[in-house]
Amino acid sequence: MKISELIKILKKNGCCLYRHGSNHDIWKSDFTGKEFTVPRHSQTDVPAGTVNSILKSAGLK
């Protein structure tokens, strides 16, 4: 999955960008109250394990 697709899913489900890090963006889920990182400059697909971890932190899995 591409970063842009992942960000669309996060935005659609109530997550918002909390702040910018150096290599990652920190997002926050209103549903779980957790902060989690999303890689910013990846030119390739994000590994499936990373996507699952992000979605789990966001409360979407």
C-alpha atoms as a PDB file:
ATOM      1  CA  MET A   1       0.000   0.000   0.000  1.00  0.00           C
ATOM      2  CA  LYS A   2       1.252   3.463  -0.841  1.00  0.00           C
ATOM      3  CA  ILE A   3       1.597   6.186   1.795  1.00  0.00           C
ATOM      4  CA  SER A   4      -1.041   8.321   0.068  1.00  0.00           C
ATOM      5  CA  GLU A   5      -3.594   5.480   0.228  1.00  0.00           C
ATOM      6  CA  LEU A   6      -2.845   4.893   3.905  1.00  0.00           C
ATOM      7  CA  ILE A   7      -3.236   8.596   4.708  1.00  0.00           C
ATOM      8  CA  LYS A   8      -6.614   8.696   2.928  1.00  0.00           C
ATOM      9  CA  ILE A   9      -7.807   5.768   5.070  1.00  0.00           C
ATOM     10  CA  LEU A  10      -6.574   7.444   8.251  1.00  0.00           C
ATOM     11  CA  LYS A  11      -8.225  10.790   7.427  1.00  0.00           C
ATOM     12  CA  LYS A  12     -11.505   9.135   6.475  1.00  0.00           C
ATOM     13  CA  ASN A  13     -11.612   7.383   9.853  1.00  0.00           C
ATOM     14  CA  GLY A  14     -11.012  10.403  12.059  1.00  0.00           C
ATOM     15  CA  CYS A  15      -7.233  10.421  12.479  1.00  0.00           C
ATOM     16  CA  CYS A  16      -5.376  13.689  12.176  1.00  0.00           C
ATOM     17  CA  LEU A  17      -1.813  14.828  11.692  1.00  0.00           C
ATOM     18  CA  TYR A  18      -0.446  15.725  15.124  1.00  0.00           C
ATOM     19  CA  ARG A  19       3.046  16.959  14.204  1.00  0.00           C
ATOM     20  CA  HIS A  20       5.927  16.469  11.792  1.00  0.00           C
ATOM     21  CA  GLY A  21       9.004  14.508  12.799  1.00  0.00           C
ATOM     22  CA  SER A  22      12.252  14.381  10.859  1.00  0.00           C
ATOM     23  CA  ASN A  23      11.501  11.253   8.800  1.00  0.00           C
ATOM     24  CA  HIS A  24       8.002  10.381   9.987  1.00  0.00           C
ATOM     25  CA  ASP A  25       4.761  12.204  10.606  1.00  0.00           C
ATOM     26  CA  ILE A  26       3.097  11.676  13.964  1.00  0.00           C
ATOM     27  CA  TRP A  27      -0.633  11.071  13.710  1.00  0.00           C
ATOM     28  CA  LYS A  28      -3.233  10.854  16.454  1.00  0.00           C
ATOM     29  CA  SER A  29      -6.368   8.770  16.554  1.00  0.00           C
ATOM     30  CA  ASP A  30      -9.425  10.353  18.141  1.00  0.00           C
ATOM     31  CA  PHE A  31     -10.871   6.863  18.567  1.00  0.00           C
ATOM     32  CA  THR A  32      -8.019   5.350  20.618  1.00  0.00           C
ATOM     33  CA  GLY A  33      -6.229   8.498  21.762  1.00  0.00           C
ATOM     34  CA  LYS A  34      -2.918   6.967  20.665  1.00  0.00           C
ATOM     35  CA  GLU A  35      -0.152   8.661  18.735  1.00  0.00           C
ATOM     36  CA  PHE A  36       1.582   6.682  16.009  1.00  0.00           C
ATOM     37  CA  THR A  37       4.167   7.309  13.325  1.00  0.00           C
ATOM     38  CA  VAL A  38       3.642   7.159   9.577  1.00  0.00           C
ATOM     39  CA  PRO A  39       6.693   7.213   7.284  1.00  0.00           C
ATOM     40  CA  ARG A  40       6.794  10.339   5.152  1.00  0.00           C
ATOM     41  CA  HIS A  41       9.359   9.878   2.390  1.00  0.00           C
ATOM     42  CA  SER A  42       8.854   6.289   1.298  1.00  0.00           C
ATOM     43  CA  GLN A  43       8.982   5.987  -2.501  1.00  0.00           C
ATOM     44  CA  THR A  44       7.893   2.338  -2.476  1.00  0.00           C
ATOM     45  CA  ASP A  45       5.017   0.485  -0.922  1.00  0.00           C
ATOM     46  CA  VAL A  46       4.844   0.388   2.854  1.00  0.00           C
ATOM     47  CA  PRO A  47       5.453  -3.168   4.170  1.00  0.00           C
ATOM     48  CA  ALA A  48       2.302  -5.046   5.157  1.00  0.00           C
ATOM     49  CA  GLY A  49       3.426  -5.433   8.779  1.00  0.00           C
ATOM     50  CA  THR A  50       3.916  -1.678   9.103  1.00  0.00           C
ATOM     51  CA  VAL A  51       0.483  -0.980   7.616  1.00  0.00           C
ATOM     52  CA  ASN A  52      -1.126  -3.456  10.016  1.00  0.00           C
ATOM     53  CA  SER A  53       0.664  -1.885  12.988  1.00  0.00           C
ATOM     54  CA  ILE A  54      -0.445   1.625  11.980  1.00  0.00           C
ATOM     55  CA  LEU A  55      -4.042   0.530  11.453  1.00  0.00           C
ATOM     56  CA  LYS A  56      -4.033  -1.300  14.794  1.00  0.00           C
ATOM     57  CA  SER A  57      -2.721   1.793  16.599  1.00  0.00           C
ATOM     58  CA  ALA A  58      -5.403   3.870  14.905  1.00  0.00           C
ATOM     59  CA  GLY A  59      -8.105   1.464  16.101  1.00  0.00           C
ATOM     60  CA  LEU A  60      -9.049   0.355  12.616  1.00  0.00           C
ATOM     61  CA  LYS A  61      -8.073  -3.303  13.005  1.00  0.00           C
END
